[in-house]
Amino acid sequence: MNDLQTHHTVKDAADLWLRFSAGDFTAYASLYKDHVESLLLYGLKIKPDKDAVKDAIQDLFVELWHSKENLKPVQLVSMYLLKALRYK
């Protein structure tokens, strides 16, 4: 992936984040779909229990949906989600 593709990916994720935080469920679902695999792989490095990691990811996204109105804009969505999962 070149720098331009990376920039568009980061920008697209940040745009999805803004739409999600405004209540767009389609953007929320896209964020989940775009990041669930990397979150699972990362979570398994922390805790090698696939079911527990899947539950933590699901809990994270439920909490995000419930607190969406209070979330600030995020530029590096993947980093934000990885860090949030680590706290779970």
Protein backbone atom coordinates (compact mmCIF):
# COMPACT_ATOMS: atom_id res chain seq x y z
CA MET A 1 0.00 0.00 0.00
CA ASN A 2 1.47 3.35 -0.97
CA ASP A 3 1.28 6.57 1.10
CA LEU A 4 -1.68 7.89 -0.89
CA GLN A 5 -3.68 4.70 -0.27
CA THR A 6 -2.77 4.80 3.43
CA HIS A 7 -3.85 8.45 3.64
CA HIS A 8 -7.20 7.65 2.02
CA THR A 9 -7.72 4.68 4.32
CA VAL A 10 -7.01 6.79 7.42
CA LYS A 11 -9.19 9.63 6.10
CA ASP A 12 -12.01 7.22 5.21
CA ALA A 13 -11.89 5.68 8.70
CA ALA A 14 -11.92 9.14 10.30
CA ASP A 15 -14.93 10.08 8.14
CA LEU A 16 -16.70 6.85 9.13
CA TRP A 17 -15.98 7.69 12.77
CA LEU A 18 -17.60 11.12 12.41
CA ARG A 19 -20.66 9.63 10.72
CA PHE A 20 -20.90 6.91 13.37
CA SER A 21 -20.63 9.40 16.24
CA ALA A 22 -23.49 11.35 14.61
CA GLY A 23 -25.65 8.21 14.82
CA ASP A 24 -25.13 6.61 11.39
CA PHE A 25 -25.57 2.88 12.03
CA THR A 26 -24.22 1.95 8.58
CA ALA A 27 -20.96 3.76 9.39
CA TYR A 28 -20.85 1.96 12.76
CA ALA A 29 -21.29 -1.41 11.04
CA SER A 30 -18.58 -0.51 8.52
CA LEU A 31 -16.17 0.39 11.33
CA TYR A 32 -16.83 -2.98 12.92
CA LYS A 33 -16.42 -4.87 9.64
CA ASP A 34 -13.23 -2.97 8.75
CA HIS A 35 -11.54 -3.51 12.13
CA VAL A 36 -12.87 -6.72 13.68
CA GLU A 37 -10.21 -8.99 12.17
CA SER A 38 -7.25 -6.86 13.28
CA LEU A 39 -8.84 -6.45 16.73
CA LEU A 40 -9.23 -10.21 17.03
CA LEU A 41 -5.62 -10.86 16.03
CA TYR A 42 -4.38 -8.20 18.44
CA GLY A 43 -6.60 -9.46 21.25
CA LEU A 44 -5.36 -13.01 20.81
CA LYS A 45 -1.79 -11.76 21.39
CA ILE A 46 -2.91 -10.35 24.74
CA LYS A 47 -5.21 -13.20 25.77
CA PRO A 48 -5.15 -16.47 23.81
CA ASP A 49 -8.84 -17.18 24.44
CA LYS A 50 -10.76 -16.57 21.21
CA ASP A 51 -14.20 -16.50 22.85
CA ALA A 52 -13.09 -14.01 25.51
CA VAL A 53 -11.52 -11.77 22.87
CA LYS A 54 -14.65 -11.91 20.70
CA ASP A 55 -16.75 -10.98 23.75
CA ALA A 56 -14.43 -8.08 24.56
CA ILE A 57 -14.67 -6.79 20.98
CA GLN A 58 -18.45 -7.05 21.07
CA ASP A 59 -18.56 -5.26 24.44
CA LEU A 60 -16.29 -2.54 23.08
CA PHE A 61 -18.54 -1.85 20.10
CA VAL A 62 -21.70 -1.89 22.23
CA GLU A 63 -20.11 0.64 24.60
CA LEU A 64 -19.01 2.77 21.65
CA TRP A 65 -22.56 2.84 20.27
CA HIS A 66 -24.02 3.81 23.64
CA SER A 67 -21.50 6.61 24.15
CA LYS A 68 -21.29 7.81 20.53
CA GLU A 69 -22.63 11.31 21.28
CA ASN A 70 -19.78 11.90 23.74
CA LEU A 71 -16.93 10.68 21.53
CA LYS A 72 -14.43 13.10 20.11
CA PRO A 73 -13.27 12.95 16.48
CA VAL A 74 -10.51 10.38 15.95
CA GLN A 75 -7.91 10.51 13.19
CA LEU A 76 -6.31 7.10 13.76
CA VAL A 77 -9.37 4.95 14.32
CA SER A 78 -7.49 1.63 14.25
CA MET A 79 -5.08 2.80 16.96
CA TYR A 80 -7.98 4.10 19.07
CA LEU A 81 -9.81 0.78 18.80
CA LEU A 82 -6.71 -1.30 19.56
CA LYS A 83 -5.99 0.77 22.65
CA ALA A 84 -9.63 0.58 23.78
CA LEU A 85 -9.60 -3.21 23.34
CA ARG A 86 -6.43 -3.46 25.40
CA TYR A 87 -8.24 -1.77 28.30
CA LYS A 88 -11.05 -4.34 28.05
